[in-house]
N, C-alpha and C. Protein backbone atom coordinates (compact mmCIF):
# COMPACT_ATOMS: atom_id res chain seq x y z
N MET A 1 -7.62 42.54 40.79
CA MET A 1 -6.29 43.45 40.29
C MET A 1 -5.21 42.79 41.05
N VAL A 2 -3.87 42.37 39.71
CA VAL A 2 -3.23 41.86 41.17
C VAL A 2 -1.47 42.69 40.89
N LYS A 3 -1.46 43.32 41.92
CA LYS A 3 -0.46 44.00 41.59
C LYS A 3 1.18 43.20 41.71
N PHE A 4 1.79 43.09 40.55
CA PHE A 4 3.14 42.74 40.56
C PHE A 4 4.15 42.70 41.08
N ASP A 5 4.17 44.11 42.07
CA ASP A 5 5.58 44.43 42.96
C ASP A 5 5.17 43.26 44.22
N ASP A 6 4.85 42.83 44.07
CA ASP A 6 4.28 41.98 45.40
C ASP A 6 5.20 40.57 45.26
N TYR A 7 5.20 40.12 44.57
CA TYR A 7 5.74 38.91 43.65
C TYR A 7 6.74 38.99 42.70
N TRP A 8 7.21 39.90 41.21
CA TRP A 8 8.26 40.39 41.03
C TRP A 8 9.73 41.56 41.45
N ASP A 9 10.83 40.84 40.80
CA ASP A 9 11.51 41.56 41.57
C ASP A 9 12.09 42.50 39.94
N PHE A 10 11.64 43.69 39.33
CA PHE A 10 12.06 44.02 38.36
C PHE A 10 13.45 44.79 38.61
N ALA A 11 14.27 45.42 40.00
CA ALA A 11 15.04 45.64 38.83
C ALA A 11 16.17 45.57 38.67
N ASP A 12 15.93 44.16 39.26
CA ASP A 12 17.24 43.16 38.07
C ASP A 12 16.76 42.54 36.71
N GLU A 13 15.50 42.86 36.42
CA GLU A 13 14.93 41.81 35.16
C GLU A 13 15.46 42.70 33.67
N ALA A 14 16.24 41.35 32.71
CA ALA A 14 16.74 42.11 31.58
C ALA A 14 15.31 42.35 30.75
N PRO A 15 15.98 42.99 29.75
CA PRO A 15 14.73 42.56 28.30
C PRO A 15 14.43 41.49 27.87
N ALA A 16 13.43 41.51 27.59
CA ALA A 16 12.72 39.83 27.49
C ALA A 16 13.03 39.67 25.92
N GLY A 17 14.12 38.93 25.85
CA GLY A 17 14.85 38.50 24.51
C GLY A 17 14.71 39.30 23.20
N ASP A 18 13.77 39.08 21.87
CA ASP A 18 14.34 40.09 21.01
C ASP A 18 12.79 40.66 20.54
N GLY A 19 11.73 40.48 21.20
CA GLY A 19 10.15 41.25 21.12
C GLY A 19 9.87 40.09 20.19
N LEU A 20 9.99 39.28 19.93
CA LEU A 20 9.99 38.41 18.73
C LEU A 20 8.93 36.42 20.20
N PRO A 21 7.73 36.16 19.01
CA PRO A 21 6.92 35.61 20.46
C PRO A 21 7.89 33.69 19.94
N MET A 22 7.91 33.21 20.94
CA MET A 22 8.38 31.12 21.17
C MET A 22 7.66 30.65 20.08
N PRO A 23 8.21 30.44 18.96
CA PRO A 23 7.85 29.48 17.42
C PRO A 23 6.71 28.69 18.85
N GLU A 24 6.03 28.26 18.25
CA GLU A 24 4.73 26.98 18.59
C GLU A 24 5.26 25.39 18.20
N ASP A 25 4.53 24.99 19.02
CA ASP A 25 5.09 23.50 18.86
C ASP A 25 5.24 22.52 17.77
N GLY A 26 5.90 22.42 16.83
CA GLY A 26 6.07 22.06 15.61
C GLY A 26 7.00 22.86 14.57
N ILE A 27 6.76 21.54 13.24
CA ILE A 27 8.18 21.94 12.77
C ILE A 27 7.96 22.85 12.03
N HIS A 28 9.54 23.95 12.30
CA HIS A 28 10.14 25.39 10.90
C HIS A 28 11.08 25.26 10.51
N PRO A 29 10.63 26.03 9.51
CA PRO A 29 12.24 25.80 8.64
C PRO A 29 12.52 26.97 9.54
N GLY A 30 14.72 26.89 9.38
CA GLY A 30 15.09 27.74 10.33
C GLY A 30 16.63 27.76 9.43
N LYS A 31 17.22 28.67 10.74
CA LYS A 31 18.52 29.42 9.63
C LYS A 31 19.52 28.83 10.71
N ILE A 32 20.85 28.27 10.58
CA ILE A 32 21.55 27.83 12.00
C ILE A 32 22.63 29.39 11.98
N SER A 33 22.18 30.48 12.85
CA SER A 33 22.94 31.70 13.40
C SER A 33 23.99 31.82 13.76
N ARG A 34 24.40 30.79 14.86
CA ARG A 34 25.78 30.76 16.17
C ARG A 34 25.83 29.29 16.20
N VAL A 35 27.38 28.49 16.45
CA VAL A 35 27.35 27.59 16.62
C VAL A 35 28.29 27.75 17.62
N ARG A 36 28.64 27.19 18.56
CA ARG A 36 29.92 27.15 19.19
C ARG A 36 29.59 25.93 20.63
N VAL A 37 31.06 25.42 21.15
CA VAL A 37 31.52 24.14 21.55
C VAL A 37 31.59 24.91 23.26
N GLN A 38 31.21 24.24 23.97
CA GLN A 38 31.00 24.74 25.08
C GLN A 38 30.75 23.61 26.67
N GLU A 39 31.50 23.61 27.64
CA GLU A 39 31.12 23.41 28.83
C GLU A 39 29.36 23.59 29.57
N PHE A 40 28.42 23.37 29.86
CA PHE A 40 27.82 23.04 31.21
C PHE A 40 27.79 22.34 32.00
N PRO A 41 27.67 23.23 33.24
CA PRO A 41 27.87 22.17 34.14
C PRO A 41 26.44 21.60 33.90
N PHE A 42 25.19 22.07 33.67
CA PHE A 42 24.09 20.95 33.94
C PHE A 42 24.02 19.99 32.90
N MET A 43 24.69 19.54 31.65
CA MET A 43 25.56 18.90 31.15
C MET A 43 26.04 17.63 31.36
N GLU A 44 26.78 17.95 32.50
CA GLU A 44 27.96 16.83 32.89
C GLU A 44 27.55 15.62 33.37
N GLN A 45 25.94 15.52 33.40
CA GLN A 45 25.69 13.78 33.41
C GLN A 45 25.99 13.03 32.01
N PHE A 46 25.58 14.01 31.10
CA PHE A 46 25.50 13.61 29.70
C PHE A 46 27.05 13.16 29.46
N SER A 47 28.12 14.14 29.60
CA SER A 47 29.26 14.66 28.94
C SER A 47 30.21 15.09 29.54
N PRO A 48 31.86 14.34 29.73
CA PRO A 48 32.76 14.58 30.12
C PRO A 48 32.87 16.66 30.85
N LYS A 49 32.82 16.94 31.67
CA LYS A 49 32.17 18.33 31.53
C LYS A 49 31.60 18.86 31.46
N GLY A 50 30.04 18.38 31.00
CA GLY A 50 28.79 18.91 30.15
C GLY A 50 29.82 19.21 28.45
N ARG A 51 30.24 18.67 28.31
CA ARG A 51 30.94 19.44 26.70
C ARG A 51 30.07 19.43 25.97
N SER A 52 29.54 20.02 25.43
CA SER A 52 28.25 20.37 24.62
C SER A 52 28.60 21.05 23.33
N ILE A 53 27.49 21.33 21.99
CA ILE A 53 27.52 21.64 21.41
C ILE A 53 26.29 22.72 20.93
N ALA A 54 26.05 23.82 21.20
CA ALA A 54 24.74 24.94 21.06
C ALA A 54 24.77 25.08 19.90
N ILE A 55 23.44 24.87 19.15
CA ILE A 55 23.03 25.33 17.79
C ILE A 55 21.78 26.11 18.20
N GLU A 56 22.26 27.64 17.71
CA GLU A 56 21.47 28.51 17.66
C GLU A 56 20.51 28.30 16.24
N VAL A 57 19.28 28.13 16.16
CA VAL A 57 18.42 28.25 14.64
C VAL A 57 17.72 29.64 14.93
N GLU A 58 17.72 30.25 13.76
CA GLU A 58 16.48 31.08 13.50
C GLU A 58 15.61 31.17 13.13
N ILE A 59 14.60 31.18 13.72
CA ILE A 59 12.68 30.51 13.01
C ILE A 59 12.15 31.78 12.46
N GLY A 60 11.31 32.24 11.37
CA GLY A 60 11.26 33.21 10.46
C GLY A 60 9.98 33.81 11.86
N GLY A 61 10.08 35.08 11.96
CA GLY A 61 9.08 35.42 12.51
C GLY A 61 8.92 35.41 14.52
N CYS A 62 9.92 34.57 14.84
CA CYS A 62 9.76 33.76 16.29
C CYS A 62 10.99 34.16 15.90
N SER A 63 11.37 33.93 17.90
CA SER A 63 12.97 33.77 18.32
C SER A 63 13.72 32.56 18.48
N SER A 64 15.20 32.98 18.37
CA SER A 64 15.80 32.46 18.37
C SER A 64 15.05 30.63 19.38
N VAL A 65 15.98 29.92 18.63
CA VAL A 65 16.08 28.68 19.81
C VAL A 65 16.76 27.79 19.11
N GLU A 66 17.75 27.38 20.78
CA GLU A 66 19.99 27.21 20.94
C GLU A 66 19.11 25.51 21.34
N ALA A 67 20.02 24.48 20.20
CA ALA A 67 19.93 23.77 21.03
C ALA A 67 20.95 23.23 21.77
N ILE A 68 21.53 21.87 22.48
CA ILE A 68 22.29 22.20 23.50
C ILE A 68 22.46 20.42 23.18
N ILE A 69 23.81 19.78 22.23
CA ILE A 69 23.73 19.02 22.41
C ILE A 69 24.56 18.75 22.45
N PRO A 70 24.83 17.34 23.80
CA PRO A 70 25.97 16.64 24.56
C PRO A 70 26.88 15.67 23.28
N VAL A 71 28.34 16.74 23.03
CA VAL A 71 29.15 15.62 22.47
C VAL A 71 29.18 14.06 22.18
N THR A 72 28.25 13.19 23.56
CA THR A 72 28.41 12.01 23.23
C THR A 72 27.37 12.06 22.91
N PHE A 73 26.20 12.39 22.29
CA PHE A 73 25.15 12.23 21.75
C PHE A 73 25.50 12.47 20.40
N ARG A 74 25.75 10.83 19.42
CA ARG A 74 26.05 11.18 18.58
C ARG A 74 24.89 10.55 17.48
N SER A 75 23.63 10.61 17.63
CA SER A 75 22.33 10.41 16.85
C SER A 75 22.04 11.65 16.33
N LYS A 76 22.15 12.37 17.57
CA LYS A 76 21.40 14.27 17.87
C LYS A 76 22.53 14.70 16.28
N ILE A 77 24.29 14.63 17.03
CA ILE A 77 24.86 15.49 16.06
C ILE A 77 24.32 15.12 15.17
N VAL A 78 24.97 13.95 14.64
CA VAL A 78 24.73 13.41 12.97
C VAL A 78 22.65 13.92 12.11
N ALA A 79 21.90 13.85 13.44
CA ALA A 79 20.78 14.01 13.24
C ALA A 79 21.11 15.79 12.40
N ALA A 80 21.38 16.64 13.18
CA ALA A 80 21.46 17.88 12.74
C ALA A 80 22.45 18.03 11.56
N CYS A 81 23.14 17.69 11.58
CA CYS A 81 24.36 17.77 10.30
C CYS A 81 23.27 17.58 9.21
N GLN A 82 22.65 15.90 9.01
CA GLN A 82 21.86 15.19 7.48
C GLN A 82 21.06 17.13 8.22
N SER A 83 20.35 17.57 8.47
CA SER A 83 19.30 18.45 7.85
C SER A 83 20.06 19.89 7.73
N ALA A 84 21.50 19.54 8.50
CA ALA A 84 22.02 21.14 7.80
C ALA A 84 22.59 21.04 6.00
N GLY A 85 22.30 18.91 5.95
CA GLY A 85 23.60 19.21 4.37
C GLY A 85 25.28 19.23 4.63
N VAL A 86 26.24 18.81 5.80
CA VAL A 86 26.79 18.69 6.29
C VAL A 86 27.30 17.53 6.40
N PRO A 87 28.48 16.80 6.53
CA PRO A 87 29.51 15.82 6.56
C PRO A 87 29.31 15.62 8.30
N SER A 88 29.36 14.58 8.46
CA SER A 88 28.70 14.33 10.11
C SER A 88 30.75 13.52 10.79
N PRO A 89 30.46 14.45 11.93
CA PRO A 89 32.02 13.45 12.28
C PRO A 89 32.42 12.59 11.50
N LYS A 90 34.28 12.05 11.42
CA LYS A 90 34.31 11.35 11.14
C LYS A 90 35.76 10.37 12.21
N ARG A 91 35.57 8.88 12.26
CA ARG A 91 36.97 8.79 13.25
C ARG A 91 37.82 8.93 12.79
N GLY A 92 38.77 9.37 14.08
CA GLY A 92 40.19 10.26 13.58
C GLY A 92 40.45 10.90 12.75
N GLU A 93 38.87 11.80 12.29
CA GLU A 93 39.20 13.13 11.47
C GLU A 93 38.57 14.45 12.52
N ASP A 94 39.29 15.72 12.77
CA ASP A 94 38.94 16.69 13.48
C ASP A 94 37.85 17.01 12.48
N TRP A 95 36.89 17.43 13.19
CA TRP A 95 35.82 18.26 12.02
C TRP A 95 35.17 19.41 12.55
N ASN A 96 35.06 21.09 12.30
CA ASN A 96 34.83 21.63 12.74
C ASN A 96 33.47 22.09 12.96
N GLN A 97 32.97 22.79 13.73
CA GLN A 97 31.13 22.51 13.41
C GLN A 97 31.05 24.10 12.86
N GLU A 98 31.77 25.42 12.83
CA GLU A 98 31.82 26.07 12.39
C GLU A 98 31.14 25.80 10.40
N GLN A 99 31.09 24.62 9.92
CA GLN A 99 29.80 24.50 8.71
C GLN A 99 28.99 24.13 9.20
N LEU A 100 28.79 24.30 10.28
CA LEU A 100 27.31 24.30 10.43
C LEU A 100 26.30 26.41 9.97
N LEU A 101 27.46 26.61 9.88
CA LEU A 101 26.86 27.87 10.00
C LEU A 101 26.14 28.59 8.90
N GLY A 102 25.33 29.24 9.03
CA GLY A 102 24.43 29.67 7.80
C GLY A 102 23.59 28.78 6.60
N ARG A 103 23.27 27.82 7.28
CA ARG A 103 23.36 26.45 6.82
C ARG A 103 21.48 26.64 7.38
N ARG A 104 21.01 26.15 6.34
CA ARG A 104 19.44 25.98 5.95
C ARG A 104 18.43 24.27 7.32
N VAL A 105 18.62 24.40 7.50
CA VAL A 105 17.41 23.13 8.28
C VAL A 105 15.72 23.38 8.54
N ARG A 106 15.65 21.85 8.90
CA ARG A 106 14.28 21.71 9.38
C ARG A 106 14.10 21.72 10.78
N VAL A 107 13.39 22.11 11.62
CA VAL A 107 13.67 21.64 13.27
C VAL A 107 12.12 21.28 13.37
N GLU A 108 11.83 20.36 14.75
CA GLU A 108 11.01 20.27 15.10
C GLU A 108 10.88 20.67 16.46
N THR A 109 9.89 21.87 16.88
CA THR A 109 9.51 22.56 18.01
C THR A 109 9.00 22.08 19.54
N VAL A 110 9.27 22.20 21.10
CA VAL A 110 8.55 21.81 21.93
C VAL A 110 8.50 23.10 22.79
N ARG A 111 7.56 23.26 23.24
CA ARG A 111 7.79 24.33 24.56
C ARG A 111 7.97 23.48 25.41
N LYS A 112 8.57 24.07 26.47
CA LYS A 112 8.67 23.61 28.18
C LYS A 112 8.35 24.10 28.96
N ILE A 113 8.12 24.27 30.82
CA ILE A 113 8.13 25.19 31.26
C ILE A 113 8.94 23.97 32.68
N PRO A 114 10.16 24.46 33.18
CA PRO A 114 10.94 23.68 33.44
C PRO A 114 10.66 24.66 35.23
N PRO A 115 11.10 23.44 36.22
CA PRO A 115 10.30 24.03 37.69
C PRO A 115 11.10 25.74 38.06
N SER A 116 11.65 25.96 37.43
CA SER A 116 12.10 26.80 37.62
C SER A 116 10.61 28.68 36.83
N GLY A 117 9.87 28.08 36.28
CA GLY A 117 8.75 28.47 35.46
C GLY A 117 9.73 29.39 34.41
N ASN A 118 10.69 29.07 34.13
CA ASN A 118 11.04 29.97 32.75
C ASN A 118 10.65 29.50 32.12
N GLU A 119 9.51 29.50 30.82
CA GLU A 119 9.23 29.36 29.54
C GLU A 119 9.90 29.46 28.07
N TYR A 120 10.17 28.08 27.22
CA TYR A 120 11.29 28.12 26.67
C TYR A 120 11.04 27.15 25.54
N ALA A 121 11.69 27.17 24.39
CA ALA A 121 11.49 26.70 22.91
C ALA A 121 12.65 25.34 22.87
N ARG A 122 12.25 24.66 22.73
CA ARG A 122 13.94 24.10 22.38
C ARG A 122 13.54 23.32 21.53
N VAL A 123 14.85 22.21 20.19
CA VAL A 123 14.74 21.45 19.61
C VAL A 123 14.63 20.37 19.82
N GLU A 124 12.89 19.56 19.30
CA GLU A 124 12.91 18.07 19.69
C GLU A 124 13.31 17.67 18.83
N ARG A 125 13.65 17.67 17.83
CA ARG A 125 14.37 16.59 16.59
C ARG A 125 14.77 17.65 15.17
N TRP A 126 15.53 17.41 14.32
CA TRP A 126 16.35 17.77 13.72
C TRP A 126 15.61 16.34 12.32
N LEU A 127 15.25 17.53 11.24
CA LEU A 127 14.40 17.23 10.44
C LEU A 127 15.25 16.55 8.95
N PRO A 128 15.11 16.31 8.08
CA PRO A 128 15.63 15.86 6.61
C PRO A 128 15.56 17.63 6.33
N PRO A 129 16.20 17.52 5.21
CA PRO A 129 15.90 19.00 4.16
C PRO A 129 14.75 18.32 3.63
N ALA A 130 13.41 19.38 3.05
CA ALA A 130 12.28 19.18 2.96
C ALA A 130 12.69 19.37 1.37
N SER A 131 13.58 20.16 0.88
CA SER A 131 13.85 19.89 -0.51
C SER A 131 14.72 18.43 -1.37
N PRO A 132 13.22 18.58 -2.36
CA PRO A 132 14.28 16.62 -2.75
C PRO A 132 15.77 16.39 -3.37
N GLN A 133 16.70 17.78 -3.97
CA GLN A 133 18.04 18.15 -4.83
C GLN A 133 18.69 17.73 -3.09
N ALA A 134 18.20 18.53 -2.18
CA ALA A 134 19.12 18.11 -0.98
C ALA A 134 19.19 17.03 -0.50
N ALA A 135 17.92 16.17 -0.43
CA ALA A 135 17.84 14.63 0.70
C ALA A 135 18.62 14.14 -0.72
N PRO A 136 19.25 12.87 -0.26
CA PRO A 136 20.20 12.13 -1.07
C PRO A 136 19.66 10.49 -1.70
N GLN A 137 19.44 10.49 -2.45
CA GLN A 137 18.80 10.08 -3.55
C GLN A 137 19.02 8.13 -3.37
N VAL A 138 17.49 7.56 -3.29
CA VAL A 138 18.05 6.20 -3.14
C VAL A 138 17.13 5.50 -4.28
N GLU A 139 17.71 4.45 -4.72
CA GLU A 139 17.32 3.65 -5.85
C GLU A 139 16.35 2.83 -5.22
N ARG A 140 15.15 2.61 -5.39
CA ARG A 140 14.59 1.44 -5.19
C ARG A 140 14.31 0.49 -5.83
N ALA A 141 14.53 -1.03 -5.88
CA ALA A 141 14.28 -2.81 -6.16
C ALA A 141 13.18 -2.72 -6.29
N VAL A 142 13.70 -2.84 -7.41
CA VAL A 142 12.08 -3.47 -8.11
C VAL A 142 11.82 -5.14 -7.43
N ALA A 143 11.17 -5.23 -7.27
CA ALA A 143 9.76 -6.46 -6.70
C ALA A 143 10.71 -7.67 -8.23
N PRO A 144 11.60 -9.40 -7.39
CA PRO A 144 11.29 -10.21 -9.03
C PRO A 144 10.36 -10.67 -9.36
N GLN A 145 8.61 -10.27 -9.04
CA GLN A 145 7.46 -10.83 -9.00
C GLN A 145 7.05 -9.93 -10.25
N ALA A 146 7.62 -8.83 -10.69
CA ALA A 146 7.17 -7.50 -11.20
C ALA A 146 7.95 -7.61 -12.11
N GLN A 147 9.12 -8.07 -11.66
CA GLN A 147 10.43 -7.75 -13.38
C GLN A 147 9.98 -8.77 -14.67
N ALA A 148 9.84 -10.48 -13.33
CA ALA A 148 9.47 -11.19 -14.17
C ALA A 148 7.41 -11.73 -15.08
N GLY A 149 6.54 -10.62 -14.42
CA GLY A 149 5.19 -10.75 -15.14
C GLY A 149 4.44 -11.15 -14.09
N ILE A 150 5.57 -12.00 -13.06
CA ILE A 150 4.74 -12.64 -12.02
C ILE A 150 3.70 -11.94 -11.02
N GLY A 151 2.19 -12.63 -10.95
CA GLY A 151 1.66 -11.92 -10.22
C GLY A 151 0.35 -10.65 -10.34
N LYS A 152 0.65 -10.60 -12.01
CA LYS A 152 -0.71 -10.07 -13.08
C LYS A 152 -1.95 -10.34 -13.05
N SER A 153 -2.33 -11.55 -12.42
CA SER A 153 -3.48 -12.38 -12.11
C SER A 153 -3.97 -12.37 -10.90
N ARG A 154 -3.23 -11.30 -10.46
CA ARG A 154 -3.69 -11.15 -8.58
C ARG A 154 -4.22 -9.88 -8.64
N GLN A 155 -4.50 -9.06 -9.97
CA GLN A 155 -5.48 -7.85 -9.84
C GLN A 155 -6.72 -7.74 -9.02
N ARG A 156 -6.59 -6.82 -8.01
CA ARG A 156 -8.45 -6.28 -8.24
C ARG A 156 -9.07 -6.65 -8.72
N PRO A 157 -11.00 -6.82 -8.84
CA PRO A 157 -11.58 -6.42 -9.43
C PRO A 157 -12.19 -4.69 -8.92
N PRO A 158 -12.02 -4.44 -9.70
CA PRO A 158 -12.88 -2.60 -9.98
C PRO A 158 -13.86 -2.47 -8.51
N VAL A 159 -13.69 -1.93 -7.93
CA VAL A 159 -14.34 -1.43 -6.60
C VAL A 159 -16.08 -0.72 -7.24
N ASP A 160 -16.74 -1.35 -6.68
CA ASP A 160 -18.12 -0.59 -7.22
C ASP A 160 -18.69 0.30 -5.80
N GLU A 161 -18.54 1.59 -5.96
CA GLU A 161 -18.30 2.82 -5.04
C GLU A 161 -19.23 3.51 -4.70
N SER A 162 -20.69 3.07 -5.44
CA SER A 162 -22.54 2.85 -5.35
C SER A 162 -23.22 2.38 -4.07
N GLU A 163 -21.99 1.00 -3.55
CA GLU A 163 -22.64 0.71 -2.66
C GLU A 163 -21.98 1.01 -1.45
N ASP A 164 -22.86 1.01 -0.25
CA ASP A 164 -23.01 1.57 0.22
C ASP A 164 -23.28 0.76 1.91
N VAL A 165 -21.62 1.03 2.79
CA VAL A 165 -21.71 -1.08 3.58
C VAL A 165 -21.51 0.12 5.26
N PRO A 166 -22.16 -0.16 5.85
CA PRO A 166 -22.61 0.70 7.62
C PRO A 166 -21.95 -0.31 7.73
N PHE A 167 -20.65 0.11 8.86
CA PHE A 167 -20.27 0.30 9.71
C PHE A 167 -20.31 0.75 11.14
């Protein structure tokens, strides 16, 4: 048996989160519950003064996950906007981060353990919406051969599935 009083300082310990488990590694639907622009000292290597957008995502049955995206990371900010179905920032226009609040998103999460030993889950990727009506419709061009009837003679003969080919 181990007595953790010898190793941990229980006096300054705050209650652990909201009592929900961290999300497992993988893809999860969620809802953006909090958005703020803030300066984070540990992000100074990525943007001036560490200025970043912090987006908190609620995942059903799990604790919330926070994504901290430096303002210089254009592709990540655009991906978050696309996942939420909101327009991304445009040149010369003010962009209000509050438009992300309450929006449904799909995220891929990954659990990490930093050198400090405090395990956390982070948003690895922002994924496009799952519903087809939420995603932009893209028309596919029909190949010229299919339009002209070219290539129909190249159809393969039916395969006899009764033949076993050992590999």
